[in-house]
């Protein structure tokens, strides 16, 4: 495949396999804060397909945020905390939101 995705540059839009994603934010929202990579996504494809395209081509996803929270609560540790995690939600009518969070680790 000859896709070169640089869609973690603010406001860049890409379409892959019928999924269009626009980066709305990349980086920290405040000094010493976590880094966020956020996307507005549109597609007529099923949500699971859209999520997989986002994880592959918008910004590589790590583990779901729900799993990240659960594992942090069960066994709090630096190793568990500093893992990147993602959120994906349907906003109805072919619109989705995708975010990857990388905890601040400087």
Protein backbone atom coordinates (compact mmCIF):
# COMPACT_ATOMS: atom_id res chain seq x y z
CA UNK A 1 0.00 0.00 0.00
CA UNK A 2 1.37 3.42 -0.88
CA UNK A 3 -0.39 5.44 1.84
CA UNK A 4 1.76 7.98 3.58
CA UNK A 5 -0.33 9.43 6.35
CA UNK A 6 0.72 12.59 8.08
CA UNK A 7 -2.72 13.28 9.49
CA UNK A 8 -1.47 14.21 12.93
CA UNK A 9 -0.79 17.70 11.64
CA UNK A 10 -3.57 20.08 12.76
CA UNK A 11 -6.44 20.46 10.33
CA UNK A 12 -5.05 18.02 7.79
CA UNK A 13 -7.74 15.86 6.16
CA UNK A 14 -7.26 12.41 4.64
CA UNK A 15 -9.64 9.85 3.18
CA UNK A 16 -8.81 6.15 3.31
CA UNK A 17 -11.21 3.38 2.25
CA UNK A 18 -14.27 5.65 2.52
CA UNK A 19 -13.30 7.07 5.91
CA UNK A 20 -12.48 10.78 6.06
CA UNK A 21 -10.64 12.06 9.12
CA UNK A 22 -9.56 15.57 9.98
CA UNK A 23 -7.05 16.22 12.73
CA UNK A 24 -8.50 18.90 15.00
CA UNK A 25 -5.77 18.92 17.63
CA UNK A 26 -2.30 17.47 18.09
CA UNK A 27 -0.04 17.96 21.04
CA UNK A 28 -0.39 19.29 24.55
CA UNK A 29 -3.32 21.47 25.58
CA UNK A 30 -1.31 22.95 28.45
CA UNK A 31 2.27 23.02 29.68
CA UNK A 32 3.37 19.70 31.17
CA UNK A 33 0.10 18.11 30.07
CA UNK A 34 -0.71 14.94 28.20
CA UNK A 35 -0.49 14.96 24.40
CA UNK A 36 -3.77 14.57 22.54
CA UNK A 37 -4.33 13.64 18.89
CA UNK A 38 -7.98 14.29 18.07
CA UNK A 39 -9.92 13.65 14.88
CA UNK A 40 -13.35 14.40 13.49
CA UNK A 41 -14.28 11.43 11.34
CA UNK A 42 -17.03 10.86 8.79
CA UNK A 43 -18.00 7.70 6.95
CA UNK A 44 -21.01 5.66 5.92
CA UNK A 45 -19.11 2.47 6.86
CA UNK A 46 -19.81 0.50 10.07
CA UNK A 47 -18.30 1.91 13.27
CA UNK A 48 -15.91 -1.03 13.80
CA UNK A 49 -14.51 -0.59 10.29
CA UNK A 50 -14.11 3.17 10.84
CA UNK A 51 -12.32 2.58 14.16
CA UNK A 52 -9.91 0.14 12.51
CA UNK A 53 -9.10 2.62 9.72
CA UNK A 54 -8.47 5.37 12.30
CA UNK A 55 -6.21 3.08 14.33
CA UNK A 56 -4.26 2.13 11.23
CA UNK A 57 -4.04 5.37 9.28
CA UNK A 58 -4.93 8.43 11.40
CA UNK A 59 -2.83 7.71 14.48
CA UNK A 60 -1.78 4.28 15.69
CA UNK A 61 -3.95 3.30 18.60
CA UNK A 62 -2.63 1.50 21.59
CA UNK A 63 -5.23 0.17 23.97
CA UNK A 64 -8.78 1.32 24.61
CA UNK A 65 -9.09 4.01 27.29
CA UNK A 66 -11.52 1.81 29.26
CA UNK A 67 -8.88 -0.95 29.48
CA UNK A 68 -6.20 1.60 30.40
CA UNK A 69 -8.37 2.96 33.27
CA UNK A 70 -9.31 -0.52 34.49
CA UNK A 71 -5.72 -1.74 34.57
CA UNK A 72 -4.52 1.45 36.30
CA UNK A 73 -7.16 1.03 39.01
CA UNK A 74 -6.39 -2.67 39.47
CA UNK A 75 -2.62 -2.23 39.63
CA UNK A 76 -1.45 1.39 39.81
CA UNK A 77 2.08 1.71 38.49
CA UNK A 78 4.18 4.01 36.34
CA UNK A 79 4.33 1.29 33.70
CA UNK A 80 0.52 1.11 33.50
CA UNK A 81 -0.01 4.86 33.64
CA UNK A 82 2.35 5.93 30.87
CA UNK A 83 0.80 3.85 28.10
CA UNK A 84 -0.96 5.58 25.21
CA UNK A 85 -4.66 4.89 24.92
CA UNK A 86 -7.51 5.77 22.59
CA UNK A 87 -11.19 6.69 22.62
CA UNK A 88 -13.56 6.16 19.71
CA UNK A 89 -17.21 7.18 19.76
CA UNK A 90 -20.04 7.45 17.30
CA UNK A 91 -21.74 10.82 17.19
CA UNK A 92 -24.55 9.65 14.91
CA UNK A 93 -25.32 10.18 11.24
CA UNK A 94 -21.95 8.90 10.01
CA UNK A 95 -19.91 11.11 12.35
CA UNK A 96 -17.30 9.84 14.81
CA UNK A 97 -14.70 11.14 17.24
CA UNK A 98 -11.28 9.55 17.67
CA UNK A 99 -8.63 10.55 20.22
CA UNK A 100 -5.27 9.08 21.16
CA UNK A 101 -3.81 10.25 24.47
CA UNK A 102 -0.14 9.95 25.34
CA UNK A 103 0.44 10.71 29.03
CA UNK A 104 3.03 13.39 29.76
CA UNK A 105 6.37 11.79 30.57
CA UNK A 106 9.10 14.41 30.65
